[in-house]
Amino acid sequence: MRFRHVTDDDIEARAELHRDAWSVWGASSFSESRYRRLRANPVYDQTLDIVLESADGNLLSYCICWFDRENGIGHFEPVGTRPAFAGQGLGRALVMEGLRRLKERGAHTALIGTASVNEPALRTYAACGFKLVERQYYYSRLIGP
C-alpha cells in the first residue's frame, strides 16, 4: 500500500470510494460532479486530498485535510474507509499521514469530528491522539400536520 494525493485521473474512483465508505450509513448520493465542485474550492489543496492505495491500484481509504495557514489550523473532512477494509488500521494510518502533511505546512493544531454514533471513528481519532473538546446537540421538531 502507499499514500498519495488524488489527481484529476482519480475523480471517478475517488467519488466511488466515498460512496462505498459511507454506504454503512445508507446510500450515498456523492457524485463525480459534486467532487469536482469540491476540488474547485479556492482553499482546496490537491496534495492534502490523500488516499491509501493498494498494490493493485485500488483506493481503500481517504481523507481531505483543509489548512488555514493564517491560524495554523488543519481540519479533516471527510475521512472514510471502504467497509471491506474497516478495522485494519487504514483510517488511523491515513489520519497520521494527514497530520504529517499538515505539520510540514506549519500547522500547530488539527481538528476532526464525527457523529457520536460513529464508534469506529471515535476510536480511530482517539488512537491518533485527538482529544474530545466539544459535544454538539441537535434538536428537531416536526412543524407540519
Protein backbone atom coordinates (compact mmCIF):
# COMPACT_ATOMS: atom_id res chain seq x y z
CA MET A 1 0.00 0.00 0.00
CA ARG A 2 1.03 3.59 -0.48
CA PHE A 3 -0.14 7.09 0.32
CA ARG A 4 -0.61 9.54 -2.49
CA HIS A 5 -2.74 12.53 -3.31
CA VAL A 6 -5.68 12.42 -5.68
CA THR A 7 -5.14 13.56 -9.25
CA ASP A 8 -7.59 14.53 -12.00
CA ASP A 9 -7.35 10.95 -13.27
CA ASP A 10 -8.85 9.67 -9.99
CA ILE A 11 -12.13 11.62 -9.95
CA GLU A 12 -14.43 8.69 -10.74
CA ALA A 13 -12.61 6.22 -8.47
CA ARG A 14 -12.40 8.72 -5.60
CA ALA A 15 -16.13 9.54 -5.78
CA GLU A 16 -16.90 5.81 -5.79
CA LEU A 17 -14.62 5.29 -2.78
CA HIS A 18 -16.53 7.98 -0.90
CA ARG A 19 -19.89 6.36 -1.73
CA ASP A 20 -18.63 2.96 -0.63
CA ALA A 21 -17.09 4.24 2.61
CA TRP A 22 -20.32 5.98 3.64
CA SER A 23 -22.62 3.14 2.49
CA VAL A 24 -22.63 1.79 6.05
CA TRP A 25 -24.96 4.72 6.91
CA GLY A 26 -27.19 4.23 3.85
CA ALA A 27 -26.97 5.01 0.17
CA SER A 28 -24.70 7.96 -0.57
CA SER A 29 -25.56 10.47 -3.29
CA PHE A 30 -21.97 11.70 -3.58
CA SER A 31 -21.20 12.15 -7.27
CA GLU A 32 -18.29 12.92 -9.54
CA SER A 33 -19.76 16.36 -10.26
CA ARG A 34 -20.07 17.13 -6.55
CA TYR A 35 -16.47 16.03 -6.01
CA ARG A 36 -15.32 18.23 -8.93
CA ARG A 37 -17.09 21.22 -7.32
CA LEU A 38 -15.35 20.45 -4.01
CA ARG A 39 -11.98 20.36 -5.78
CA ALA A 40 -12.72 23.74 -7.38
CA ASN A 41 -12.90 25.39 -3.94
CA PRO A 42 -10.22 28.10 -3.74
CA VAL A 43 -8.77 26.69 -0.49
CA TYR A 44 -8.67 23.09 -1.75
CA ASP A 45 -5.11 21.72 -1.85
CA GLN A 46 -4.80 18.64 -4.04
CA THR A 47 -1.78 17.43 -2.05
CA LEU A 48 -3.95 17.31 1.09
CA ASP A 49 -6.59 15.13 -0.62
CA ILE A 50 -4.93 11.88 0.41
CA VAL A 51 -5.72 8.28 -0.47
CA LEU A 52 -4.31 4.97 0.62
CA GLU A 53 -3.89 2.83 -2.47
CA SER A 54 -3.42 -0.96 -2.58
CA ALA A 55 -0.59 -2.56 -4.54
CA ASP A 56 -3.05 -3.33 -7.35
CA GLY A 57 -4.17 0.30 -7.64
CA ASN A 58 -7.46 0.19 -5.71
CA LEU A 59 -8.30 3.14 -3.49
CA LEU A 60 -9.05 1.84 0.01
CA SER A 61 -9.22 4.84 2.33
CA TYR A 62 -9.15 8.62 2.04
CA CYS A 63 -9.22 11.96 3.79
CA ILE A 64 -9.15 15.60 2.86
CA CYS A 65 -7.21 17.99 5.05
CA TRP A 66 -8.08 21.66 4.89
CA PHE A 67 -5.38 24.04 6.09
CA ASP A 68 -5.95 27.53 7.48
CA ARG A 69 -2.44 28.88 7.04
CA GLU A 70 -3.16 32.19 8.77
CA ASN A 71 -4.23 30.47 12.00
CA GLY A 72 -2.06 27.33 11.70
CA ILE A 73 -5.05 25.01 11.99
CA GLY A 74 -5.80 21.93 9.94
CA HIS A 75 -9.20 20.29 9.65
CA PHE A 76 -10.02 16.79 8.45
CA GLU A 77 -13.25 16.48 6.49
CA PRO A 78 -14.19 13.93 5.29
CA VAL A 79 -12.40 10.72 6.28
CA GLY A 80 -13.53 7.31 5.04
CA THR A 81 -12.50 3.70 4.53
CA ARG A 82 -14.16 1.00 2.44
CA PRO A 83 -16.23 -1.25 4.74
CA ALA A 84 -14.38 -4.31 3.43
CA PHE A 85 -11.16 -2.85 4.87
CA ALA A 86 -12.52 -1.40 8.11
CA GLY A 87 -10.81 -2.34 11.36
CA GLN A 88 -7.38 -2.83 9.77
CA GLY A 89 -5.86 0.49 10.85
CA LEU A 90 -6.10 2.15 7.43
CA GLY A 91 -8.04 5.15 8.73
CA ARG A 92 -5.53 5.68 11.51
CA ALA A 93 -2.60 5.44 9.10
CA LEU A 94 -4.27 7.92 6.76
CA VAL A 95 -5.03 10.45 9.52
CA MET A 96 -1.45 10.20 10.76
CA GLU A 97 -0.21 10.89 7.21
CA GLY A 98 -2.55 13.88 7.05
CA LEU A 99 -1.15 15.17 10.34
CA ARG A 100 2.38 14.80 8.97
CA ARG A 101 1.49 16.80 5.86
CA LEU A 102 -0.26 19.50 7.88
CA LYS A 103 2.76 19.81 10.19
CA GLU A 104 5.04 20.20 7.14
CA ARG A 105 2.93 23.22 6.15
CA GLY A 106 3.21 24.78 9.60
CA ALA A 107 0.03 23.62 11.31
CA HIS A 108 0.14 23.51 15.10
CA THR A 109 -3.39 22.22 15.70
CA ALA A 110 -5.71 19.81 13.88
CA LEU A 111 -9.44 19.33 14.24
CA ILE A 112 -11.52 16.30 13.33
CA GLY A 113 -15.12 15.47 14.05
CA THR A 114 -17.75 12.81 13.68
CA ALA A 115 -21.19 11.85 14.86
CA SER A 116 -21.41 10.42 18.37
CA VAL A 117 -22.82 7.17 16.95
CA ASN A 118 -19.76 6.56 14.78
CA GLU A 119 -17.88 4.39 17.27
CA PRO A 120 -15.16 3.24 14.82
CA ALA A 121 -14.26 6.86 14.01
CA LEU A 122 -14.29 7.83 17.70
CA ARG A 123 -11.82 5.02 18.45
CA THR A 124 -9.65 5.88 15.44
CA TYR A 125 -9.39 9.56 16.29
CA ALA A 126 -8.55 8.80 19.92
CA ALA A 127 -5.87 6.35 18.71
CA CYS A 128 -4.41 9.21 16.64
CA GLY A 129 -4.08 11.35 19.77
CA PHE A 130 -7.11 13.59 19.31
CA LYS A 131 -8.86 14.71 22.49
CA LEU A 132 -12.58 15.39 22.79
CA VAL A 133 -13.06 19.15 23.22
CA GLU A 134 -16.69 19.69 22.31
CA ARG A 135 -20.02 17.95 22.01
CA GLN A 136 -22.83 19.29 19.91
CA TYR A 137 -26.50 18.76 20.47
CA TYR A 138 -29.11 18.96 17.75
CA TYR A 139 -32.80 19.16 18.39
CA SER A 140 -35.59 18.59 15.91
CA ARG A 141 -39.30 19.14 15.94
CA LEU A 142 -41.96 18.34 13.40
CA ILE A 143 -43.81 21.52 12.44
CA GLY A 144 -46.26 20.06 9.96
CA PRO A 145 -49.56 18.28 10.44
